[in-house]
C-alpha atoms as a PDB file:
ATOM      1  CA  UNK A   1      97.695 -43.504   3.866  1.00  0.00           C
ATOM      2  CA  UNK A   2      94.734 -42.792   1.589  1.00  0.00           C
ATOM      3  CA  UNK A   3      95.371 -45.974  -0.391  1.00  0.00           C
ATOM      4  CA  UNK A   4      95.608 -47.996   2.827  1.00  0.00           C
ATOM      5  CA  UNK A   5      92.288 -46.561   4.033  1.00  0.00           C
ATOM      6  CA  UNK A   6      90.614 -47.226   0.676  1.00  0.00           C
ATOM      7  CA  UNK A   7      91.809 -50.832   0.702  1.00  0.00           C
ATOM      8  CA  UNK A   8      90.549 -51.316   4.257  1.00  0.00           C
ATOM      9  CA  UNK A   9      87.114 -49.895   3.426  1.00  0.00           C
ATOM     10  CA  UNK A  10      86.884 -51.991   0.267  1.00  0.00           C
ATOM     11  CA  UNK A  11      87.823 -55.102   2.225  1.00  0.00           C
ATOM     12  CA  UNK A  12      85.087 -54.442   4.759  1.00  0.00           C
ATOM     13  CA  UNK A  13      82.516 -53.937   2.012  1.00  0.00           C
ATOM     14  CA  UNK A  14      83.548 -57.083   0.153  1.00  0.00           C
ATOM     15  CA  UNK A  15      83.688 -59.230   3.275  1.00  0.00           C
ATOM     16  CA  UNK A  16      80.381 -57.874   4.514  1.00  0.00           C
ATOM     17  CA  UNK A  17      78.748 -58.625   1.181  1.00  0.00           C
ATOM     18  CA  UNK A  18      80.143 -62.154   1.095  1.00  0.00           C
ATOM     19  CA  UNK A  19      79.238 -62.824   4.736  1.00  0.00           C
ATOM     20  CA  UNK A  20      75.657 -61.737   4.128  1.00  0.00           C
ATOM     21  CA  UNK A  21      75.330 -64.563   1.620  1.00  0.00           C
ATOM     22  CA  UNK A  22      77.220 -66.981   3.832  1.00  0.00           C
ATOM     23  CA  UNK A  23      74.732 -66.373   6.662  1.00  0.00           C
ATOM     24  CA  UNK A  24      71.792 -67.442   4.507  1.00  0.00           C
ATOM     25  CA  UNK A  25      70.840 -70.743   2.911  1.00  0.00           C
ATOM     26  CA  UNK A  26      71.280 -70.751  -0.858  1.00  0.00           C
ATOM     27  CA  UNK A  27      68.975 -72.755  -3.118  1.00  0.00           C
ATOM     28  CA  UNK A  28      69.295 -73.041  -6.899  1.00  0.00           C
ATOM     29  CA  UNK A  29      66.366 -73.653  -9.218  1.00  0.00           C
ATOM     30  CA  UNK A  30      65.632 -74.479 -12.865  1.00  0.00           C
ATOM     31  CA  UNK A  31      62.151 -73.671 -14.125  1.00  0.00           C
ATOM     32  CA  UNK A  32      59.922 -75.673 -16.434  1.00  0.00           C
ATOM     33  CA  UNK A  33      59.832 -73.187 -19.277  1.00  0.00           C
ATOM     34  CA  UNK A  34      59.626 -73.426 -23.042  1.00  0.00           C
ATOM     35  CA  UNK A  35      62.365 -71.158 -24.349  1.00  0.00           C
ATOM     36  CA  UNK A  36      64.523 -68.769 -22.316  1.00  0.00           C
ATOM     37  CA  UNK A  37      65.668 -71.571 -20.010  1.00  0.00           C
ATOM     38  CA  UNK A  38      67.314 -69.933 -17.013  1.00  0.00           C
ATOM     39  CA  UNK A  39      68.873 -70.696 -13.639  1.00  0.00           C
ATOM     40  CA  UNK A  40      68.354 -68.797 -10.386  1.00  0.00           C
ATOM     41  CA  UNK A  41      69.887 -68.831  -6.907  1.00  0.00           C
ATOM     42  CA  UNK A  42      67.894 -67.679  -3.893  1.00  0.00           C
ATOM     43  CA  UNK A  43      69.346 -66.583  -0.569  1.00  0.00           C
ATOM     44  CA  UNK A  44      66.951 -67.469   2.254  1.00  0.00           C
ATOM     45  CA  UNK A  45      67.386 -66.095   5.776  1.00  0.00           C
ATOM     46  CA  UNK A  46      66.302 -67.672   9.054  1.00  0.00           C
ATOM     47  CA  UNK A  47      62.984 -65.836   8.898  1.00  0.00           C
ATOM     48  CA  UNK A  48      62.131 -67.436   5.568  1.00  0.00           C
ATOM     49  CA  UNK A  49      62.622 -64.246   3.545  1.00  0.00           C
ATOM     50  CA  UNK A  50      64.133 -64.910   0.130  1.00  0.00           C
ATOM     51  CA  UNK A  51      66.196 -62.610  -2.037  1.00  0.00           C
ATOM     52  CA  UNK A  52      67.925 -63.246  -5.324  1.00  0.00           C
ATOM     53  CA  UNK A  53      71.657 -63.868  -5.022  1.00  0.00           C
ATOM     54  CA  UNK A  54      73.085 -60.907  -6.997  1.00  0.00           C
ATOM     55  CA  UNK A  55      74.143 -61.905 -10.484  1.00  0.00           C
ATOM     56  CA  UNK A  56      72.707 -65.408 -10.169  1.00  0.00           C
ATOM     57  CA  UNK A  57      69.665 -65.202 -12.414  1.00  0.00           C
ATOM     58  CA  UNK A  58      70.767 -65.915 -15.964  1.00  0.00           C
ATOM     59  CA  UNK A  59      69.883 -67.628 -19.221  1.00  0.00           C
ATOM     60  CA  UNK A  60      71.678 -70.941 -19.615  1.00  0.00           C
ATOM     61  CA  UNK A  61      74.659 -70.437 -21.925  1.00  0.00           C
ATOM     62  CA  UNK A  62      74.156 -73.444 -24.214  1.00  0.00           C
ATOM     63  CA  UNK A  63      71.968 -72.136 -27.008  1.00  0.00           C
ATOM     64  CA  UNK A  64      70.429 -75.529 -27.786  1.00  0.00           C
ATOM     65  CA  UNK A  65      69.419 -75.998 -24.166  1.00  0.00           C
ATOM     66  CA  UNK A  66      68.194 -72.416 -23.865  1.00  0.00           C
ATOM     67  CA  UNK A  67      65.376 -72.870 -26.396  1.00  0.00           C
ATOM     68  CA  UNK A  68      64.236 -76.176 -24.877  1.00  0.00           C
ATOM     69  CA  UNK A  69      62.174 -76.657 -21.691  1.00  0.00           C
ATOM     70  CA  UNK A  70      64.046 -76.272 -18.390  1.00  0.00           C
ATOM     71  CA  UNK A  71      64.143 -79.133 -15.890  1.00  0.00           C
ATOM     72  CA  UNK A  72      67.101 -80.304 -13.757  1.00  0.00           C
ATOM     73  CA  UNK A  73      69.851 -78.571 -11.801  1.00  0.00           C
ATOM     74  CA  UNK A  74      72.674 -79.850  -9.568  1.00  0.00           C
ATOM     75  CA  UNK A  75      75.406 -77.726  -8.017  1.00  0.00           C
ATOM     76  CA  UNK A  76      78.837 -79.096  -7.106  1.00  0.00           C
ATOM     77  CA  UNK A  77      81.020 -76.333  -5.727  1.00  0.00           C
ATOM     78  CA  UNK A  78      80.829 -73.681  -8.441  1.00  0.00           C
ATOM     79  CA  UNK A  79      80.017 -76.167 -11.210  1.00  0.00           C
ATOM     80  CA  UNK A  80      76.382 -76.328 -12.291  1.00  0.00           C
ATOM     81  CA  UNK A  81      74.858 -79.269 -14.144  1.00  0.00           C
ATOM     82  CA  UNK A  82      71.505 -78.683 -15.798  1.00  0.00           C
ATOM     83  CA  UNK A  83      69.056 -80.542 -18.038  1.00  0.00           C
ATOM     84  CA  UNK A  84      66.022 -80.002 -20.227  1.00  0.00           C
ATOM     85  CA  UNK A  85      62.825 -81.910 -20.921  1.00  0.00           C
ATOM     86  CA  UNK A  86      63.498 -82.817 -24.544  1.00  0.00           C
ATOM     87  CA  UNK A  87      67.177 -83.752 -24.389  1.00  0.00           C
ATOM     88  CA  UNK A  88      69.204 -86.533 -22.814  1.00  0.00           C
ATOM     89  CA  UNK A  89      72.239 -84.261 -22.514  1.00  0.00           C
ATOM     90  CA  UNK A  90      73.588 -83.070 -19.170  1.00  0.00           C
ATOM     91  CA  UNK A  91      74.941 -79.558 -19.703  1.00  0.00           C
ATOM     92  CA  UNK A  92      77.582 -77.720 -17.667  1.00  0.00           C
ATOM     93  CA  UNK A  93      78.063 -74.098 -16.676  1.00  0.00           C
ATOM     94  CA  UNK A  94      79.849 -72.192 -13.929  1.00  0.00           C
ATOM     95  CA  UNK A  95      78.419 -70.143 -11.053  1.00  0.00           C
ATOM     96  CA  UNK A  96      81.040 -67.418 -11.499  1.00  0.00           C
ATOM     97  CA  UNK A  97      81.473 -66.932 -15.247  1.00  0.00           C
ATOM     98  CA  UNK A  98      78.169 -68.454 -16.484  1.00  0.00           C
ATOM     99  CA  UNK A  99      80.187 -69.733 -19.437  1.00  0.00           C
ATOM    100  CA  UNK A 100      79.131 -72.716 -21.527  1.00  0.00           C
ATOM    101  CA  UNK A 101      81.011 -75.757 -20.255  1.00  0.00           C
ATOM    102  CA  UNK A 102      79.611 -77.995 -22.975  1.00  0.00           C
ATOM    103  CA  UNK A 103      77.909 -81.343 -22.431  1.00  0.00           C
ATOM    104  CA  UNK A 104      78.985 -83.707 -19.660  1.00  0.00           C
ATOM    105  CA  UNK A 105      77.354 -86.743 -21.268  1.00  0.00           C
ATOM    106  CA  UNK A 106      74.634 -87.674 -23.722  1.00  0.00           C
ATOM    107  CA  UNK A 107      72.681 -90.190 -21.663  1.00  0.00           C
ATOM    108  CA  UNK A 108      70.412 -91.484 -24.406  1.00  0.00           C
ATOM    109  CA  UNK A 109      67.327 -90.548 -22.372  1.00  0.00           C
ATOM    110  CA  UNK A 110      64.549 -88.742 -24.284  1.00  0.00           C
ATOM    111  CA  UNK A 111      64.692 -86.061 -21.578  1.00  0.00           C
ATOM    112  CA  UNK A 112      65.988 -85.571 -18.035  1.00  0.00           C
ATOM    113  CA  UNK A 113      63.695 -84.110 -15.381  1.00  0.00           C
ATOM    114  CA  UNK A 114      66.216 -84.009 -12.549  1.00  0.00           C
ATOM    115  CA  UNK A 115      69.924 -84.229 -11.988  1.00  0.00           C
ATOM    116  CA  UNK A 116      71.756 -84.651  -8.666  1.00  0.00           C
ATOM    117  CA  UNK A 117      75.280 -85.070  -7.320  1.00  0.00           C
ATOM    118  CA  UNK A 118      76.884 -86.653  -4.283  1.00  0.00           C
ATOM    119  CA  UNK A 119      80.129 -84.769  -4.788  1.00  0.00           C
ATOM    120  CA  UNK A 120      81.705 -87.649  -6.694  1.00  0.00           C
ATOM    121  CA  UNK A 121      79.085 -88.806  -9.191  1.00  0.00           C
ATOM    122  CA  UNK A 122      76.320 -87.170 -11.201  1.00  0.00           C
ATOM    123  CA  UNK A 123      72.915 -88.905 -11.182  1.00  0.00           C
ATOM    124  CA  UNK A 124      70.113 -88.667 -13.733  1.00  0.00           C
ATOM    125  CA  UNK A 125      67.006 -90.591 -14.735  1.00  0.00           C
ATOM    126  CA  UNK A 126      64.679 -90.503 -17.713  1.00  0.00           C
ATOM    127  CA  UNK A 127      61.975 -87.843 -17.707  1.00  0.00           C
ATOM    128  CA  UNK A 128      59.640 -89.920 -19.853  1.00  0.00           C
ATOM    129  CA  UNK A 129      59.705 -93.396 -18.336  1.00  0.00           C
ATOM    130  CA  UNK A 130      59.737 -92.913 -14.534  1.00  0.00           C
ATOM    131  CA  UNK A 131      61.241 -96.404 -14.425  1.00  0.00           C
ATOM    132  CA  UNK A 132      63.012 -95.899 -11.115  1.00  0.00           C
ATOM    133  CA  UNK A 133      66.385 -96.554 -12.757  1.00  0.00           C
ATOM    134  CA  UNK A 134      68.905 -93.845 -11.964  1.00  0.00           C
ATOM    135  CA  UNK A 135      72.141 -93.752 -13.967  1.00  0.00           C
ATOM    136  CA  UNK A 136      75.390 -92.649 -12.372  1.00  0.00           C
ATOM    137  CA  UNK A 137      78.209 -90.812 -14.191  1.00  0.00           C
ATOM    138  CA  UNK A 138      81.660 -89.617 -13.195  1.00  0.00           C
ATOM    139  CA  UNK A 139      82.515 -85.933 -13.408  1.00  0.00           C
ATOM    140  CA  UNK A 140      84.248 -86.822 -16.680  1.00  0.00           C
ATOM    141  CA  UNK A 141      80.952 -88.148 -18.070  1.00  0.00           C
ATOM    142  CA  UNK A 142      81.840 -91.837 -17.888  1.00  0.00           C
ATOM    143  CA  UNK A 143      78.986 -94.231 -17.065  1.00  0.00           C
ATOM    144  CA  UNK A 144      79.470 -95.686 -13.574  1.00  0.00           C
ATOM    145  CA  UNK A 145      76.521 -98.008 -13.109  1.00  0.00           C
ATOM    146  CA  UNK A 146      72.947 -97.461 -12.017  1.00  0.00           C
ATOM    147  CA  UNK A 147      70.596 -98.066  -9.115  1.00  0.00           C
ATOM    148  CA  UNK A 148      66.961 -99.174  -9.248  1.00  0.00           C
ATOM    149  CA  UNK A 149      64.587 -97.631  -6.738  1.00  0.00           C
ATOM    150  CA  UNK A 150      60.833 -97.120  -6.319  1.00  0.00           C
ATOM    151  CA  UNK A 151      58.455 -96.691  -9.257  1.00  0.00           C
ATOM    152  CA  UNK A 152      58.205 -93.024 -10.179  1.00  0.00           C
ATOM    153  CA  UNK A 153      61.508 -92.176  -8.526  1.00  0.00           C
ATOM    154  CA  UNK A 154      63.290 -89.327 -10.265  1.00  0.00           C
ATOM    155  CA  UNK A 155      60.290 -88.399 -12.389  1.00  0.00           C
ATOM    156  CA  UNK A 156      59.934 -85.007 -10.780  1.00  0.00           C
ATOM    157  CA  UNK A 157      62.210 -84.449  -7.799  1.00  0.00           C
ATOM    158  CA  UNK A 158      65.114 -86.277  -6.196  1.00  0.00           C
ATOM    159  CA  UNK A 159      68.275 -85.593  -4.233  1.00  0.00           C
ATOM    160  CA  UNK A 160      71.371 -87.488  -3.075  1.00  0.00           C
ATOM    161  CA  UNK A 161      72.233 -86.809   0.556  1.00  0.00           C
ATOM    162  CA  UNK A 162      74.240 -87.631   3.680  1.00  0.00           C
ATOM    163  CA  UNK A 163      71.645 -86.776   6.310  1.00  0.00           C
ATOM    164  CA  UNK A 164      72.901 -87.736   9.808  1.00  0.00           C
ATOM    165  CA  UNK A 165      69.328 -88.588  10.815  1.00  0.00           C
ATOM    166  CA  UNK A 166      68.987 -91.159   8.032  1.00  0.00           C
ATOM    167  CA  UNK A 167      70.877 -94.465   7.926  1.00  0.00           C
ATOM    168  CA  UNK A 168      73.624 -93.117  10.154  1.00  0.00           C
ATOM    169  CA  UNK A 169      74.532 -90.405   7.651  1.00  0.00           C
ATOM    170  CA  UNK A 170      75.289 -92.861   4.846  1.00  0.00           C
ATOM    171  CA  UNK A 171      74.504 -91.905   1.257  1.00  0.00           C
ATOM    172  CA  UNK A 172      70.754 -92.069   0.636  1.00  0.00           C
ATOM    173  CA  UNK A 173      68.278 -90.860  -1.975  1.00  0.00           C
ATOM    174  CA  UNK A 174      65.085 -88.893  -1.434  1.00  0.00           C
ATOM    175  CA  UNK A 175      62.404 -88.610  -4.105  1.00  0.00           C
ATOM    176  CA  UNK A 176      58.753 -87.912  -4.664  1.00  0.00           C
ATOM    177  CA  UNK A 177      56.561 -90.537  -6.324  1.00  0.00           C
ATOM    178  CA  UNK A 178      56.020 -89.130  -9.793  1.00  0.00           C
ATOM    179  CA  UNK A 179      54.911 -86.088 -11.737  1.00  0.00           C
ATOM    180  CA  UNK A 180      53.671 -83.530  -9.167  1.00  0.00           C
ATOM    181  CA  UNK A 181      53.177 -86.419  -6.766  1.00  0.00           C
ATOM    182  CA  UNK A 182      54.364 -86.203  -3.171  1.00  0.00           C
ATOM    183  CA  UNK A 183      55.198 -87.417  -0.534  1.00  0.00           C
ATOM    184  CA  UNK A 184      58.946 -87.848  -0.622  1.00  0.00           C
ATOM    185  CA  UNK A 185      60.383 -91.251   0.301  1.00  0.00           C
ATOM    186  CA  UNK A 186      63.940 -92.080   1.363  1.00  0.00           C
ATOM    187  CA  UNK A 187      65.891 -94.964  -0.188  1.00  0.00           C
ATOM    188  CA  UNK A 188      69.199 -96.519   0.766  1.00  0.00           C
ATOM    189  CA  UNK A 189      72.120 -96.406  -1.653  1.00  0.00           C
ATOM    190  CA  UNK A 190      71.193 -99.905  -2.861  1.00  0.00           C
ATOM    191  CA  UNK A 191      67.702 -98.722  -3.822  1.00  0.00           C
ATOM    192  CA  UNK A 192      65.788-100.321  -0.957  1.00  0.00           C
ATOM    193  CA  UNK A 193      63.132 -98.242   0.800  1.00  0.00           C
ATOM    194  CA  UNK A 194      64.326 -96.746   4.082  1.00  0.00           C
ATOM    195  CA  UNK A 195      61.567 -94.306   5.150  1.00  0.00           C
ATOM    196  CA  UNK A 196      58.172 -93.923   3.501  1.00  0.00           C
ATOM    197  CA  UNK A 197      56.670 -90.409   3.356  1.00  0.00           C
ATOM    198  CA  UNK A 198      59.642 -88.815   5.137  1.00  0.00           C
ATOM    199  CA  UNK A 199      58.452 -85.421   3.861  1.00  0.00           C
ATOM    200  CA  UNK A 200      54.734 -85.094   3.140  1.00  0.00           C
ATOM    201  CA  UNK A 201      53.441 -81.615   2.213  1.00  0.00           C
ATOM    202  CA  UNK A 202      49.857 -82.907   2.034  1.00  0.00           C
ATOM    203  CA  UNK A 203      50.077 -83.808   5.725  1.00  0.00           C
ATOM    204  CA  UNK A 204      50.920 -80.154   6.374  1.00  0.00           C
ATOM    205  CA  UNK A 205      47.814 -78.975   4.533  1.00  0.00           C
ATOM    206  CA  UNK A 206      49.443 -78.162   1.185  1.00  0.00           C
ATOM    207  CA  UNK A 207      47.975 -80.912  -0.983  1.00  0.00           C
ATOM    208  CA  UNK A 208      49.999 -82.260  -3.892  1.00  0.00           C
ATOM    209  CA  UNK A 209      51.794 -80.441  -6.702  1.00  0.00           C
ATOM    210  CA  UNK A 210      55.379 -80.425  -5.430  1.00  0.00           C
ATOM    211  CA  UNK A 211      58.409 -81.148  -7.607  1.00  0.00           C
ATOM    212  CA  UNK A 212      62.099 -80.517  -6.872  1.00  0.00           C
ATOM    213  CA  UNK A 213      63.780 -81.075  -3.529  1.00  0.00           C
ATOM    214  CA  UNK A 214      67.148 -79.876  -2.204  1.00  0.00           C
ATOM    215  CA  UNK A 215      69.054 -80.678   0.992  1.00  0.00           C
ATOM    216  CA  UNK A 216      71.770 -78.278   2.168  1.00  0.00           C
ATOM    217  CA  UNK A 217      73.205 -80.363   4.970  1.00  0.00           C
ATOM    218  CA  UNK A 218      70.779 -78.963   7.531  1.00  0.00           C
ATOM    219  CA  UNK A 219      67.365 -78.413   5.988  1.00  0.00           C
ATOM    220  CA  UNK A 220      65.273 -79.428   2.978  1.00  0.00           C
ATOM    221  CA  UNK A 221      63.583 -77.166   0.463  1.00  0.00           C
ATOM    222  CA  UNK A 222      60.679 -78.403  -1.651  1.00  0.00           C
ATOM    223  CA  UNK A 223      59.323 -76.596  -4.712  1.00  0.00           C
ATOM    224  CA  UNK A 224      55.580 -75.920  -4.739  1.00  0.00           C
ATOM    225  CA  UNK A 225      55.871 -75.442  -8.463  1.00  0.00           C
ATOM    226  CA  UNK A 226      52.494 -73.884  -9.309  1.00  0.00           C
ATOM    227  CA  UNK A 227      52.445 -71.412  -6.432  1.00  0.00           C
ATOM    228  CA  UNK A 228      55.902 -69.807  -6.759  1.00  0.00           C
ATOM    229  CA  UNK A 229      57.034 -70.819  -3.298  1.00  0.00           C
ATOM    230  CA  UNK A 230      59.232 -73.257  -1.394  1.00  0.00           C
ATOM    231  CA  UNK A 231      58.479 -75.332   1.684  1.00  0.00           C
ATOM    232  CA  UNK A 232      61.285 -75.635   4.220  1.00  0.00           C
ATOM    233  CA  UNK A 233      61.672 -78.801   6.306  1.00  0.00           C
ATOM    234  CA  UNK A 234      64.161 -79.768   8.998  1.00  0.00           C
ATOM    235  CA  UNK A 235      66.651 -82.599   8.638  1.00  0.00           C
ATOM    236  CA  UNK A 236      64.174 -84.807  10.498  1.00  0.00           C
ATOM    237  CA  UNK A 237      61.394 -84.060   8.009  1.00  0.00           C
ATOM    238  CA  UNK A 238      59.473 -81.544  10.138  1.00  0.00           C
ATOM    239  CA  UNK A 239      57.791 -78.652   8.314  1.00  0.00           C
ATOM    240  CA  UNK A 240      59.374 -75.333   9.315  1.00  0.00           C
ATOM    241  CA  UNK A 241      58.084 -72.548   7.075  1.00  0.00           C
ATOM    242  CA  UNK A 242      56.926 -71.433   3.651  1.00  0.00           C
ATOM    243  CA  UNK A 243      59.253 -69.287   1.553  1.00  0.00           C
ATOM    244  CA  UNK A 244      57.382 -66.940  -0.794  1.00  0.00           C
ATOM    245  CA  UNK A 245      59.175 -66.203  -4.084  1.00  0.00           C
ATOM    246  CA  UNK A 246      56.425 -64.129  -5.704  1.00  0.00           C
ATOM    247  CA  UNK A 247      58.196 -60.864  -4.853  1.00  0.00           C
ATOM    248  CA  UNK A 248      61.274 -61.853  -6.884  1.00  0.00           C
ATOM    249  CA  UNK A 249      60.632 -61.177 -10.581  1.00  0.00           C
ATOM    250  CA  UNK A 250      62.016 -63.386 -13.306  1.00  0.00           C
ATOM    251  CA  UNK A 251      62.526 -61.349 -16.502  1.00  0.00           C
ATOM    252  CA  UNK A 252      62.995 -64.419 -18.691  1.00  0.00           C
ATOM    253  CA  UNK A 253      59.950 -66.592 -18.087  1.00  0.00           C
ATOM    254  CA  UNK A 254      57.220 -67.453 -15.638  1.00  0.00           C
ATOM    255  CA  UNK A 255      58.784 -69.194 -12.640  1.00  0.00           C
ATOM    256  CA  UNK A 256      57.854 -72.889 -12.396  1.00  0.00           C
ATOM    257  CA  UNK A 257      60.701 -74.363 -10.358  1.00  0.00           C
ATOM    258  CA  UNK A 258      60.959 -77.951 -11.518  1.00  0.00           C
ATOM    259  CA  UNK A 259      64.205 -78.941  -9.811  1.00  0.00           C
ATOM    260  CA  UNK A 260      66.209 -77.548  -6.888  1.00  0.00           C
ATOM    261  CA  UNK A 261      69.780 -77.958  -5.688  1.00  0.00           C
ATOM    262  CA  UNK A 262      72.062 -76.757  -2.921  1.00  0.00           C
ATOM    263  CA  UNK A 263      75.636 -77.405  -1.910  1.00  0.00           C
ATOM    264  CA  UNK A 264      76.110 -79.102   1.451  1.00  0.00           C
ATOM    265  CA  UNK A 265      73.908 -82.074   0.574  1.00  0.00           C
ATOM    266  CA  UNK A 266      76.738 -84.592   0.940  1.00  0.00           C
ATOM    267  CA  UNK A 267      80.160 -84.930   2.525  1.00  0.00           C
ATOM    268  CA  UNK A 268      81.650 -84.721  -0.962  1.00  0.00           C
ATOM    269  CA  UNK A 269      79.778 -81.509  -1.763  1.00  0.00           C
ATOM    270  CA  UNK A 270      80.427 -79.393   1.353  1.00  0.00           C
ATOM    271  CA  UNK A 271      78.365 -76.337   2.167  1.00  0.00           C
ATOM    272  CA  UNK A 272      79.207 -72.701   1.667  1.00  0.00           C
ATOM    273  CA  UNK A 273      77.800 -69.754  -0.176  1.00  0.00           C
ATOM    274  CA  UNK A 274      77.494 -69.051  -3.871  1.00  0.00           C
ATOM    275  CA  UNK A 275      80.096 -66.353  -4.586  1.00  0.00           C
ATOM    276  CA  UNK A 276      78.531 -63.214  -5.992  1.00  0.00           C
ATOM    277  CA  UNK A 277      80.365 -62.180  -9.179  1.00  0.00           C
ATOM    278  CA  UNK A 278      80.538 -58.561  -7.938  1.00  0.00           C
ATOM    279  CA  UNK A 279      81.919 -59.589  -4.561  1.00  0.00           C
ATOM    280  CA  UNK A 280      84.530 -61.810  -6.191  1.00  0.00           C
ATOM    281  CA  UNK A 281      85.632 -58.901  -8.396  1.00  0.00           C
ATOM    282  CA  UNK A 282      85.707 -56.478  -5.475  1.00  0.00           C
ATOM    283  CA  UNK A 283      87.603 -58.869  -3.252  1.00  0.00           C
ATOM    284  CA  UNK A 284      90.102 -59.452  -6.046  1.00  0.00           C
ATOM    285  CA  UNK A 285      90.594 -55.694  -6.284  1.00  0.00           C
ATOM    286  CA  UNK A 286      91.213 -55.597  -2.533  1.00  0.00           C
ATOM    287  CA  UNK A 287      93.896 -58.286  -2.837  1.00  0.00           C
ATOM    288  CA  UNK A 288      95.581 -56.351  -5.640  1.00  0.00           C
ATOM    289  CA  UNK A 289      95.524 -53.223  -3.480  1.00  0.00           C
ATOM    290  CA  UNK A 290      97.028 -55.048  -0.515  1.00  0.00           C
ATOM    291  CA  UNK A 291      99.768 -56.374  -2.772  1.00  0.00           C
ATOM    292  CA  UNK A 292     100.502 -52.857  -4.013  1.00  0.00           C
ATOM    293  CA  UNK A 293     100.724 -51.575  -0.433  1.00  0.00           C
ATOM    294  CA  UNK A 294     103.223 -54.281   0.488  1.00  0.00           C
ATOM    295  CA  UNK A 295     105.373 -53.539  -2.581  1.00  0.00           C
ATOM    296  CA  UNK A 296     105.369 -49.797  -1.812  1.00  0.00           C
ATOM    297  CA  UNK A 297     106.288 -50.515   1.806  1.00  0.00           C
ATOM    298  CA  UNK A 298     109.247 -52.654   0.711  1.00  0.00           C
ATOM    299  CA  UNK A 299     110.469 -49.872  -1.616  1.00  0.00           C
ATOM    300  CA  UNK A 300     110.290 -47.298   1.191  1.00  0.00           C
ATOM    301  CA  UNK A 301     112.153 -49.543   3.649  1.00  0.00           C
ATOM    302  CA  UNK A 302     114.864 -50.549   1.141  1.00  0.00           C
END
């Protein structure tokens, strides 16, 4: 009886912890930082209050990348792709173990500011050239063509998305116009301009200075890189609120969120929460306990 009660209580705790993250919107970020490159995940509630997802603030595991200058991040399920300013490599880690997954591909770029995913392909463009050419790679790191879009595209912030309010929910791109240069324009999958200035922080009184952008299937989050905050916009591009991150310390470096990412941005990258490592461990313990109860019950009844 005591074991059954303990398992039940543990299950409630684990489920409650996981549901608290599920109820919020989760946004990942990679900061522009020289040395101590790190990734963070923020849980943001409906009131715009942000907290750190427990266990999801960590130094990138690849030691070469860690001492570089942080830039891009893209999350596909529990797989995280990240980049740095001085390398053309796209690195891989995992949201649960934070282990080094090696290099997806060496693109040949002198650096990669941003990386994005549509659930099938990984997209990246050169940090140095701002040519508007975005390369596409499979999840095995095989080159799968490219798309040419507006000048400056991908220099500082871009996302791949299936927004139902844009082009009937087809795959589109959204990007700012260069280094710290908003607004954010929307392009069709073939690179042609669809909507100019779809999101424009300057029109909301914030001026310029924005970088990364993430879409979670419902809302957008834009990084106001120099002011340690995010701007939240609806799926129709309407400003909703400002999310202050200044109360969340980063022990590794000053926070300068260069790129953002969130699951739910495309049909191929469906939404959901980032599992907390502690919750996963606790829930696993609960499952083991339930299994033990069932085995003991079978022994008693046999």
